[in-house]
Amino acid sequence: MEEKEKIKKEEREEVEEVSLEECIKENETLKKEIEQLKEKLHKTEEAAKKLSVLYQSLQKEFEDYKDRMRREKEEAREEGALRLAKGFMEIIDNFEKALESAQKTTDINALMKGIQMIHYQLFRFLQEHGIEKIETSTGFNPMEHEAVETVISKEHAPNEIIKVIQTGYKYKGRTIRPAKVIVAVPPEEREEIT
């Protein structure tokens, strides 16, 4: 029996030796893996710091860009207002000359010609800035005209504009003030409305 116990003891010692050697090897492997993981973590942290700095830099650049665009937009608006003001100053100067002339002259035709020239100058100035009169010869269009009155008429076509009460204007094709007009309607249509 002693021999059996001795053999078992030897087997246990061998197992313990093998287990100890395996443990040492496994421990070394784990140490290497830990070192690799620490290195990866360090690299990841460095990359995260760089990305954070980059993000903050981009955010600051974007804020600066928004401020610059806001300033440029305001400067453009002011520049546009100045250009309009300068253009109107010329027209006002001509009105003042016409008023002076009206006090000194009795020639109504010359005065009328001066006013017509100022009127032409004003409309040319508006056209240069994209503002134009709304056409009224094409018939009533609710997108461009406002019917302030309707007149029963057999002489005019239905929806024909008989009279313009107030001129309408468009800015680059968009109605900014509709033309106020009187519109012809056939007699039977007028009866249905009332």
Protein backbone atom coordinates (compact mmCIF):
# COMPACT_ATOMS: atom_id res chain seq x y z
CA MET A 1 0.00 0.00 0.00
CA GLU A 2 2.80 2.24 0.71
CA GLU A 3 3.91 1.92 -2.81
CA LYS A 4 0.50 2.93 -4.09
CA GLU A 5 0.52 5.95 -1.87
CA LYS A 6 4.01 6.79 -2.94
CA ILE A 7 2.99 6.57 -6.60
CA LYS A 8 -0.06 8.74 -5.96
CA LYS A 9 2.09 11.25 -4.11
CA GLU A 10 4.56 11.39 -6.98
CA GLU A 11 1.73 11.83 -9.47
CA ARG A 12 0.33 14.70 -7.39
CA GLU A 13 3.72 16.34 -7.22
CA GLU A 14 4.08 16.03 -11.00
CA VAL A 15 0.62 17.52 -11.47
CA GLU A 16 1.52 20.30 -9.04
CA GLU A 17 4.78 20.93 -10.88
CA VAL A 18 2.99 20.97 -14.22
CA SER A 19 0.28 23.18 -12.81
CA LEU A 20 2.84 25.54 -11.30
CA GLU A 21 4.77 25.74 -14.58
CA GLU A 22 1.55 26.29 -16.49
CA CYS A 23 0.54 28.95 -13.99
CA ILE A 24 3.87 30.73 -14.40
CA LYS A 25 3.56 30.59 -18.20
CA GLU A 26 -0.05 31.75 -18.05
CA ASN A 27 0.95 34.52 -15.67
CA GLU A 28 3.66 35.69 -18.10
CA THR A 29 1.16 35.56 -20.98
CA LEU A 30 -1.35 37.56 -18.95
CA LYS A 31 1.32 40.11 -18.04
CA LYS A 32 2.13 40.56 -21.74
CA GLU A 33 -1.56 40.93 -22.60
CA ILE A 34 -1.97 43.48 -19.81
CA GLU A 35 1.00 45.45 -21.14
CA GLN A 36 -0.45 45.33 -24.66
CA LEU A 37 -3.84 46.46 -23.36
CA LYS A 38 -2.21 49.28 -21.39
CA GLU A 39 -0.39 50.38 -24.54
CA LYS A 40 -3.63 50.26 -26.57
CA LEU A 41 -5.42 52.21 -23.82
CA HIS A 42 -2.68 54.83 -23.82
CA LYS A 43 -2.87 55.16 -27.62
CA THR A 44 -6.67 55.40 -27.46
CA GLU A 45 -6.49 58.09 -24.77
CA GLU A 46 -3.99 60.05 -26.87
CA ALA A 47 -6.24 59.75 -29.94
CA ALA A 48 -9.24 60.86 -27.85
CA LYS A 49 -7.30 63.91 -26.63
CA LYS A 50 -6.33 64.80 -30.19
CA LEU A 51 -9.93 64.39 -31.36
CA SER A 52 -11.15 66.53 -28.47
CA VAL A 53 -8.70 69.29 -29.37
CA LEU A 54 -9.70 69.01 -33.03
CA TYR A 55 -13.40 69.14 -32.12
CA GLN A 56 -12.90 72.23 -29.97
CA SER A 57 -10.88 73.87 -32.73
CA LEU A 58 -13.57 73.10 -35.32
CA GLN A 59 -16.26 74.35 -32.99
CA LYS A 60 -14.38 77.63 -32.49
CA GLU A 61 -13.82 77.98 -36.24
CA PHE A 62 -17.54 77.39 -36.85
CA GLU A 63 -18.51 80.03 -34.26
CA ASP A 64 -16.05 82.46 -35.87
CA TYR A 65 -17.54 81.63 -39.28
CA LYS A 66 -21.09 82.31 -38.02
CA ASP A 67 -19.98 85.64 -36.53
CA ARG A 68 -18.19 86.59 -39.76
CA MET A 69 -21.27 85.69 -41.85
CA ARG A 70 -23.50 87.71 -39.51
CA ARG A 71 -21.18 90.73 -39.83
CA GLU A 72 -20.92 90.37 -43.61
CA LYS A 73 -24.70 90.09 -43.92
CA GLU A 74 -25.17 93.22 -41.83
CA GLU A 75 -22.51 95.08 -43.85
CA ALA A 76 -24.20 94.01 -47.10
CA ARG A 77 -27.56 95.20 -45.77
CA GLU A 78 -26.05 98.55 -44.78
CA GLU A 79 -24.28 98.84 -48.14
CA GLY A 80 -27.57 98.19 -49.94
CA ALA A 81 -29.35 100.80 -47.83
CA LEU A 82 -26.58 103.32 -48.58
CA ARG A 83 -26.82 102.64 -52.33
CA LEU A 84 -30.60 103.16 -52.19
CA ALA A 85 -30.21 106.34 -50.15
CA LYS A 86 -27.65 107.77 -52.61
CA GLY A 87 -29.95 107.00 -55.53
CA PHE A 88 -32.89 108.69 -53.83
CA MET A 89 -30.75 111.71 -52.95
CA GLU A 90 -30.30 112.43 -56.66
CA ILE A 91 -34.04 112.24 -57.19
CA ILE A 92 -34.73 114.46 -54.15
CA ASP A 93 -32.21 117.00 -55.50
CA ASN A 94 -34.16 117.12 -58.75
CA PHE A 95 -37.46 117.55 -56.86
CA GLU A 96 -35.96 120.46 -54.92
CA LYS A 97 -34.82 122.08 -58.20
CA ALA A 98 -38.34 121.61 -59.59
CA LEU A 99 -39.87 123.23 -56.48
CA GLU A 100 -37.44 126.17 -56.78
CA SER A 101 -38.27 126.50 -60.44
CA ALA A 102 -42.02 126.39 -59.69
CA GLN A 103 -41.67 129.44 -57.43
CA LYS A 104 -39.82 131.42 -60.12
CA THR A 105 -41.65 130.48 -63.32
CA THR A 106 -45.16 130.69 -64.64
CA ASP A 107 -44.43 128.30 -67.53
CA ILE A 108 -46.56 125.30 -66.52
CA ASN A 109 -45.32 123.23 -69.49
CA ALA A 110 -41.68 123.52 -68.43
CA LEU A 111 -42.64 122.60 -64.87
CA MET A 112 -44.65 119.62 -66.13
CA LYS A 113 -41.72 118.46 -68.28
CA GLY A 114 -39.40 118.64 -65.24
CA ILE A 115 -41.80 116.57 -63.12
CA GLN A 116 -42.11 113.99 -65.92
CA MET A 117 -38.31 113.72 -66.07
CA ILE A 118 -38.14 113.14 -62.31
CA HIS A 119 -40.91 110.55 -62.59
CA TYR A 120 -38.96 108.76 -65.34
CA GLN A 121 -35.74 108.96 -63.26
CA LEU A 122 -37.52 107.44 -60.25
CA PHE A 123 -38.94 104.50 -62.24
CA ARG A 124 -35.59 103.85 -63.93
CA PHE A 125 -33.97 103.80 -60.49
CA LEU A 126 -36.56 101.30 -59.21
CA GLN A 127 -36.07 99.07 -62.27
CA GLU A 128 -32.31 99.07 -61.71
CA HIS A 129 -33.04 97.63 -58.26
CA GLY A 130 -35.41 94.91 -59.52
CA ILE A 131 -38.70 96.73 -58.87
CA GLU A 132 -41.18 97.02 -61.72
CA LYS A 133 -44.81 97.96 -62.26
CA ILE A 134 -47.41 95.23 -62.40
CA GLU A 135 -48.94 94.93 -65.86
CA THR A 136 -52.69 95.62 -65.94
CA SER A 137 -53.43 95.25 -69.65
CA THR A 138 -53.49 91.42 -69.45
CA GLY A 139 -56.72 91.20 -67.45
CA PHE A 140 -57.46 90.55 -63.80
CA ASN A 141 -55.03 88.25 -61.98
CA PRO A 142 -55.73 87.80 -58.24
CA MET A 143 -52.02 87.15 -57.62
CA GLU A 144 -51.12 90.64 -58.88
CA HIS A 145 -54.33 92.68 -58.72
CA GLU A 146 -56.77 93.61 -55.99
CA ALA A 147 -60.30 94.33 -57.24
CA VAL A 148 -61.53 97.28 -55.19
CA GLU A 149 -64.67 97.56 -57.28
CA THR A 150 -66.53 95.66 -59.99
CA VAL A 151 -68.56 97.32 -62.75
CA ILE A 152 -71.30 95.66 -64.79
CA SER A 153 -70.31 96.13 -68.38
CA LYS A 154 -71.38 94.78 -71.73
CA GLU A 155 -68.69 96.82 -73.53
CA HIS A 156 -65.75 95.17 -71.71
CA ALA A 157 -64.70 91.55 -71.58
CA PRO A 158 -65.26 89.70 -68.28
CA ASN A 159 -62.38 90.30 -65.83
CA GLU A 160 -61.02 93.14 -67.97
CA ILE A 161 -59.39 95.87 -65.90
CA ILE A 162 -61.30 99.07 -66.60
CA LYS A 163 -59.27 101.42 -64.40
CA VAL A 164 -56.14 101.31 -62.22
CA ILE A 165 -56.74 103.05 -58.88
CA GLN A 166 -53.23 102.41 -57.52
CA THR A 167 -50.19 101.03 -59.34
CA GLY A 168 -48.88 97.69 -58.10
CA TYR A 169 -45.23 96.65 -57.94
CA LYS A 170 -43.17 93.47 -58.13
CA TYR A 171 -39.68 92.84 -56.87
CA LYS A 172 -37.84 90.31 -59.02
CA GLY A 173 -41.15 88.76 -60.06
CA ARG A 174 -42.67 88.66 -56.55
CA THR A 175 -45.66 90.92 -55.86
CA ILE A 176 -44.83 93.43 -53.15
CA ARG A 177 -48.00 95.50 -53.59
CA PRO A 178 -50.92 94.42 -55.75
CA ALA A 179 -52.41 96.90 -58.20
CA LYS A 180 -55.78 98.20 -56.99
CA VAL A 181 -58.15 98.02 -59.94
CA ILE A 182 -61.75 98.27 -61.09
CA VAL A 183 -62.82 95.12 -62.95
CA ALA A 184 -65.57 94.54 -65.50
CA VAL A 185 -68.07 91.76 -64.88
CA PRO A 186 -70.89 90.61 -67.15
CA PRO A 187 -74.43 91.50 -66.00
CA GLU A 188 -75.45 87.89 -65.18
CA GLU A 189 -72.35 87.35 -62.99
CA ARG A 190 -73.09 90.50 -60.99
CA GLU A 191 -76.61 89.28 -60.24
CA GLU A 192 -75.26 85.96 -58.87
CA ILE A 193 -72.89 87.79 -56.51
CA THR A 194 -75.62 89.95 -54.93
